[in-house]
C-alpha atoms as a PDB file:
ATOM      1  CA  MET A   1     -11.388   7.576  22.381  1.00  0.00           C
ATOM      2  CA  LYS A   2     -10.349  10.168  19.703  1.00  0.00           C
ATOM      3  CA  LYS A   3      -7.063  10.635  21.871  1.00  0.00           C
ATOM      4  CA  ILE A   4      -6.252   7.133  21.272  1.00  0.00           C
ATOM      5  CA  TYR A   5      -6.957   7.389  17.036  1.00  0.00           C
ATOM      6  CA  TYR A   6      -5.189  10.675  17.495  1.00  0.00           C
ATOM      7  CA  VAL A   7      -1.359   9.362  18.585  1.00  0.00           C
ATOM      8  CA  LEU A   8      -2.292   5.899  16.549  1.00  0.00           C
ATOM      9  CA  ILE A   9      -2.353   8.660  13.629  1.00  0.00           C
ATOM     10  CA  LEU A  10       0.448  10.465  14.227  1.00  0.00           C
ATOM     11  CA  SER A  11       2.396   7.208  15.443  1.00  0.00           C
ATOM     12  CA  LEU A  12       1.373   6.682  11.746  1.00  0.00           C
ATOM     13  CA  PHE A  13       4.101   6.819   9.773  1.00  0.00           C
ATOM     14  CA  SER A  14       7.084   7.603  11.737  1.00  0.00           C
ATOM     15  CA  CYS A  15       9.644   7.036   9.891  1.00  0.00           C
ATOM     16  CA  ALA A  16      12.976   5.321   9.394  1.00  0.00           C
ATOM     17  CA  THR A  17      16.059   7.812  10.112  1.00  0.00           C
ATOM     18  CA  VAL A  18      18.021   5.942   7.722  1.00  0.00           C
ATOM     19  CA  ALA A  19      15.508   4.229   4.710  1.00  0.00           C
ATOM     20  CA  GLN A  20      15.790   0.068   4.117  1.00  0.00           C
ATOM     21  CA  SER A  21      16.711  -1.596   0.630  1.00  0.00           C
ATOM     22  CA  VAL A  22      14.912  -4.491   0.307  1.00  0.00           C
ATOM     23  CA  SER A  23      16.136  -8.046  -2.370  1.00  0.00           C
ATOM     24  CA  LEU A  24      12.578  -8.472  -4.119  1.00  0.00           C
ATOM     25  CA  SER A  25      14.801 -10.861  -7.105  1.00  0.00           C
ATOM     26  CA  GLY A  26      12.469 -13.852  -7.366  1.00  0.00           C
ATOM     27  CA  ILE A  27       9.708 -12.753  -5.833  1.00  0.00           C
ATOM     28  CA  GLU A  28       6.274 -12.284  -7.933  1.00  0.00           C
ATOM     29  CA  LEU A  29       2.571 -10.751  -7.649  1.00  0.00           C
ATOM     30  CA  ARG A  30      -0.282 -11.692 -10.002  1.00  0.00           C
ATOM     31  CA  ASP A  31      -2.353  -8.827 -11.832  1.00  0.00           C
ATOM     32  CA  LEU A  32      -5.773  -8.787 -12.552  1.00  0.00           C
ATOM     33  CA  ASN A  33      -5.712 -10.539 -15.557  1.00  0.00           C
ATOM     34  CA  GLY A  34      -3.805 -13.723 -14.041  1.00  0.00           C
ATOM     35  CA  LYS A  35      -0.143 -12.955 -15.487  1.00  0.00           C
ATOM     36  CA  MET A  36       2.998 -13.321 -13.003  1.00  0.00           C
ATOM     37  CA  THR A  37       4.649  -9.933 -13.145  1.00  0.00           C
ATOM     38  CA  PRO A  38       7.908  -9.296 -10.835  1.00  0.00           C
ATOM     39  CA  VAL A  39       7.885  -7.520  -8.440  1.00  0.00           C
ATOM     40  CA  SER A  40      10.413  -5.368  -9.514  1.00  0.00           C
ATOM     41  CA  GLU A  41       8.766  -4.496 -12.533  1.00  0.00           C
ATOM     42  CA  ILE A  42       5.853  -2.473 -10.219  1.00  0.00           C
ATOM     43  CA  PHE A  43       8.166  -0.206  -8.558  1.00  0.00           C
ATOM     44  CA  GLU A  44       8.935   3.061 -10.878  1.00  0.00           C
ATOM     45  CA  GLU A  45      12.470   4.425  -9.887  1.00  0.00           C
ATOM     46  CA  GLY A  46      12.284   7.967  -9.208  1.00  0.00           C
ATOM     47  CA  HIS A  47       8.359   8.080  -8.230  1.00  0.00           C
ATOM     48  CA  PRO A  48       7.465   7.470  -4.641  1.00  0.00           C
ATOM     49  CA  LEU A  49       5.031   4.629  -3.829  1.00  0.00           C
ATOM     50  CA  VAL A  50       2.314   3.873  -1.558  1.00  0.00           C
ATOM     51  CA  MET A  51       2.119   0.343  -1.029  1.00  0.00           C
ATOM     52  CA  VAL A  52      -0.710  -1.151   0.938  1.00  0.00           C
ATOM     53  CA  PHE A  53      -1.632  -4.777   2.223  1.00  0.00           C
ATOM     54  CA  TRP A  54      -5.541  -5.562   2.063  1.00  0.00           C
ATOM     55  CA  LYS A  55      -7.706  -8.719   2.392  1.00  0.00           C
ATOM     56  CA  SER A  56     -10.729  -9.151  -0.359  1.00  0.00           C
ATOM     57  CA  GLY A  57     -13.157 -10.419   2.242  1.00  0.00           C
ATOM     58  CA  SER A  58     -13.073  -7.975   4.170  1.00  0.00           C
ATOM     59  CA  SER A  59     -15.192  -4.863   4.258  1.00  0.00           C
ATOM     60  CA  LYS A  60     -12.962  -2.262   6.537  1.00  0.00           C
ATOM     61  CA  CYS A  61     -10.094  -2.974   3.825  1.00  0.00           C
ATOM     62  CA  CYS A  62     -11.862  -2.122   1.643  1.00  0.00           C
ATOM     63  CA  GLU A  63     -13.360   1.359   3.117  1.00  0.00           C
ATOM     64  CA  ASN A  64      -9.295   1.556   3.996  1.00  0.00           C
ATOM     65  CA  LEU A  65      -8.466   1.562   0.379  1.00  0.00           C
ATOM     66  CA  GLU A  66     -11.050   3.570  -0.392  1.00  0.00           C
ATOM     67  CA  THR A  67      -9.942   6.249   1.518  1.00  0.00           C
ATOM     68  CA  MET A  68      -6.946   5.968   0.875  1.00  0.00           C
ATOM     69  CA  GLN A  69      -7.083   6.613  -2.431  1.00  0.00           C
ATOM     70  CA  SER A  70      -9.151   9.635  -2.428  1.00  0.00           C
ATOM     71  CA  ALA A  71      -6.147  11.167   0.001  1.00  0.00           C
ATOM     72  CA  TRP A  72      -4.215   9.763  -3.008  1.00  0.00           C
ATOM     73  CA  MET A  73      -6.232  11.059  -5.665  1.00  0.00           C
ATOM     74  CA  ALA A  74      -6.883  14.638  -4.081  1.00  0.00           C
ATOM     75  CA  ARG A  75      -2.958  15.540  -2.641  1.00  0.00           C
ATOM     76  CA  LEU A  76      -0.803  12.897  -3.494  1.00  0.00           C
ATOM     77  CA  LYS A  77      -1.207  12.028  -7.132  1.00  0.00           C
ATOM     78  CA  ASP A  78      -0.352  14.723  -8.997  1.00  0.00           C
ATOM     79  CA  GLN A  79       3.085  15.092  -6.958  1.00  0.00           C
ATOM     80  CA  GLY A  80       4.286  11.724  -8.253  1.00  0.00           C
ATOM     81  CA  VAL A  81       3.474   9.302  -5.813  1.00  0.00           C
ATOM     82  CA  ARG A  82       2.108   5.797  -6.907  1.00  0.00           C
ATOM     83  CA  PHE A  83      -0.345   4.283  -5.503  1.00  0.00           C
ATOM     84  CA  VAL A  84      -0.796   0.116  -5.220  1.00  0.00           C
ATOM     85  CA  ALA A  85      -3.289  -2.475  -3.597  1.00  0.00           C
ATOM     86  CA  VAL A  86      -1.275  -6.003  -2.720  1.00  0.00           C
ATOM     87  CA  CYS A  87      -4.208  -8.441  -2.100  1.00  0.00           C
ATOM     88  CA  GLU A  88      -2.956 -10.669   0.304  1.00  0.00           C
ATOM     89  CA  ASP A  89      -6.424 -13.505   0.420  1.00  0.00           C
ATOM     90  CA  CYS A  90      -6.113 -15.462  -2.824  1.00  0.00           C
ATOM     91  CA  SER A  91      -4.282 -18.392  -1.761  1.00  0.00           C
ATOM     92  CA  GLY A  92      -6.331 -20.646  -3.659  1.00  0.00           C
ATOM     93  CA  SER A  93      -8.876 -18.854  -6.279  1.00  0.00           C
ATOM     94  CA  TRP A  94      -7.750 -15.268  -6.927  1.00  0.00           C
ATOM     95  CA  SER A  95     -10.587 -14.661 -10.097  1.00  0.00           C
ATOM     96  CA  HIS A  96     -12.844 -12.512  -7.630  1.00  0.00           C
ATOM     97  CA  ILE A  97     -10.781  -9.890  -6.949  1.00  0.00           C
ATOM     98  CA  LYS A  98     -11.301  -8.544 -10.575  1.00  0.00           C
ATOM     99  CA  PRO A  99     -14.562  -8.270 -10.446  1.00  0.00           C
ATOM    100  CA  LEU A 100     -14.327  -6.173  -7.284  1.00  0.00           C
ATOM    101  CA  VAL A 101     -12.167  -4.114  -7.944  1.00  0.00           C
ATOM    102  CA  ALA A 102     -13.981  -3.179 -11.085  1.00  0.00           C
ATOM    103  CA  GLY A 103     -17.382  -2.600  -9.054  1.00  0.00           C
ATOM    104  CA  LYS A 104     -15.491  -0.710  -6.519  1.00  0.00           C
ATOM    105  CA  ASP A 105     -13.686   1.832  -9.593  1.00  0.00           C
ATOM    106  CA  TRP A 106     -10.629   1.819  -8.163  1.00  0.00           C
ATOM    107  CA  ASP A 107      -8.016   4.354  -9.756  1.00  0.00           C
ATOM    108  CA  PHE A 108      -4.744   2.495  -8.992  1.00  0.00           C
ATOM    109  CA  SER A 109      -2.740  -0.735  -9.405  1.00  0.00           C
ATOM    110  CA  VAL A 110      -3.977  -4.295  -7.588  1.00  0.00           C
ATOM    111  CA  TYR A 111      -1.696  -7.143  -7.664  1.00  0.00           C
ATOM    112  CA  ILE A 112      -2.321 -10.262  -5.811  1.00  0.00           C
ATOM    113  CA  ASP A 113       0.323 -11.985  -3.710  1.00  0.00           C
ATOM    114  CA  VAL A 114      -0.605 -16.008  -4.166  1.00  0.00           C
ATOM    115  CA  ASN A 115       2.000 -17.492  -1.339  1.00  0.00           C
ATOM    116  CA  GLY A 116       2.716 -14.593   1.013  1.00  0.00           C
ATOM    117  CA  ASP A 117       6.252 -14.644   0.160  1.00  0.00           C
ATOM    118  CA  PHE A 118       6.465 -10.410  -1.153  1.00  0.00           C
ATOM    119  CA  ARG A 119       4.166  -9.792   2.712  1.00  0.00           C
ATOM    120  CA  ARG A 120       6.969 -11.705   4.502  1.00  0.00           C
ATOM    121  CA  SER A 121      10.146 -10.295   2.401  1.00  0.00           C
ATOM    122  CA  LEU A 122       9.040  -7.015   3.777  1.00  0.00           C
ATOM    123  CA  GLY A 123       8.025  -8.243   7.462  1.00  0.00           C
ATOM    124  CA  VAL A 124       4.473  -6.985   6.817  1.00  0.00           C
ATOM    125  CA  SER A 125       2.283  -9.540   9.772  1.00  0.00           C
ATOM    126  CA  VAL A 126      -1.128  -7.768  10.187  1.00  0.00           C
ATOM    127  CA  ILE A 127      -3.309  -6.772   6.672  1.00  0.00           C
ATOM    128  CA  PRO A 128      -3.871  -4.169   6.259  1.00  0.00           C
ATOM    129  CA  SER A 129      -0.676  -2.705   6.815  1.00  0.00           C
ATOM    130  CA  THR A 130       0.892   0.940   4.383  1.00  0.00           C
ATOM    131  CA  VAL A 131       5.023   0.405   3.498  1.00  0.00           C
ATOM    132  CA  LEU A 132       6.296   3.307   1.812  1.00  0.00           C
ATOM    133  CA  TYR A 133       8.678   3.570  -0.698  1.00  0.00           C
ATOM    134  CA  ASP A 134      11.430   6.446  -1.837  1.00  0.00           C
ATOM    135  CA  ALA A 135      11.313   6.989  -4.925  1.00  0.00           C
ATOM    136  CA  GLY A 136      15.182   5.738  -5.045  1.00  0.00           C
ATOM    137  CA  MET A 137      12.807   2.323  -4.103  1.00  0.00           C
ATOM    138  CA  ARG A 138      14.151   2.285  -0.481  1.00  0.00           C
ATOM    139  CA  LEU A 139      11.864   1.208   2.405  1.00  0.00           C
ATOM    140  CA  VAL A 140      11.040   4.186   4.439  1.00  0.00           C
ATOM    141  CA  CYS A 141       7.675   3.730   6.224  1.00  0.00           C
ATOM    142  CA  LYS A 142       5.312   0.870   7.246  1.00  0.00           C
ATOM    143  CA  HIS A 143       2.349   1.200   9.245  1.00  0.00           C
ATOM    144  CA  PRO A 144       0.306  -2.009  10.694  1.00  0.00           C
ATOM    145  CA  GLY A 145      -3.548  -1.018  10.735  1.00  0.00           C
ATOM    146  CA  TRP A 146      -6.153   1.077   9.394  1.00  0.00           C
ATOM    147  CA  CYS A 147      -5.409   4.479   7.836  1.00  0.00           C
ATOM    148  CA  SER A 148      -8.697   5.543   7.344  1.00  0.00           C
ATOM    149  CA  GLY A 149     -10.495   8.925   9.409  1.00  0.00           C
ATOM    150  CA  ASN A 150      -7.961  11.092   8.927  1.00  0.00           C
ATOM    151  CA  GLU A 151      -6.583  11.951   5.049  1.00  0.00           C
ATOM    152  CA  GLY A 152      -5.450  15.101   5.496  1.00  0.00           C
ATOM    153  CA  LEU A 153      -3.478  13.461   8.330  1.00  0.00           C
ATOM    154  CA  ILE A 154      -2.395  10.804   6.508  1.00  0.00           C
ATOM    155  CA  CYS A 155      -1.219  12.732   2.841  1.00  0.00           C
ATOM    156  CA  ASP A 156       0.752  15.500   5.338  1.00  0.00           C
ATOM    157  CA  LYS A 157       2.427  12.160   6.938  1.00  0.00           C
ATOM    158  CA  ILE A 158       2.929  10.482   3.623  1.00  0.00           C
ATOM    159  CA  SER A 159       4.404  13.711   2.058  1.00  0.00           C
ATOM    160  CA  VAL A 160       6.782  14.457   5.176  1.00  0.00           C
ATOM    161  CA  CYS A 161       8.413  10.991   5.092  1.00  0.00           C
ATOM    162  CA  LEU A 162       8.593  11.119   1.178  1.00  0.00           C
ATOM    163  CA  ASP A 163       9.856  14.544   1.523  1.00  0.00           C
ATOM    164  CA  ILE A 164       7.696  16.122  -1.238  1.00  0.00           C
ATOM    165  CA  ARG A 165       5.714  19.044  -0.771  1.00  0.00           C
END
């Protein structure tokens, strides 16, 4: 079983050799206060971005976010890497997300993809999924599935994909 996890983690962030640009015009995400925010405003030129798509009703997704936050804070935050979570199961009511996030004491931005437009524009079909953007805001890696369990290896792969040390 460990071999399977090891192989999955090694392939976790098999980076594309050519970064892909994604059109983000016209797509909006809801912030935790209910305000619609253009996706283009979430990105900061010059700062790599780790984005995790998750579902609030899944304890495994929440555990995955906890793991990713710990790894990000320990190894990537000080290197200028931003971390954002996008909730994907809020097509109707989204008001439960803000108290959930506050209760978890997460130290990253959380947005809600109300209609799933953003997820679809990136071709994300599995939740959770992790997406990496380089400092030029080009999509460099996509990984469907969980990232929990091998934080050091995850950070190493992210650092290699984003060319940071």
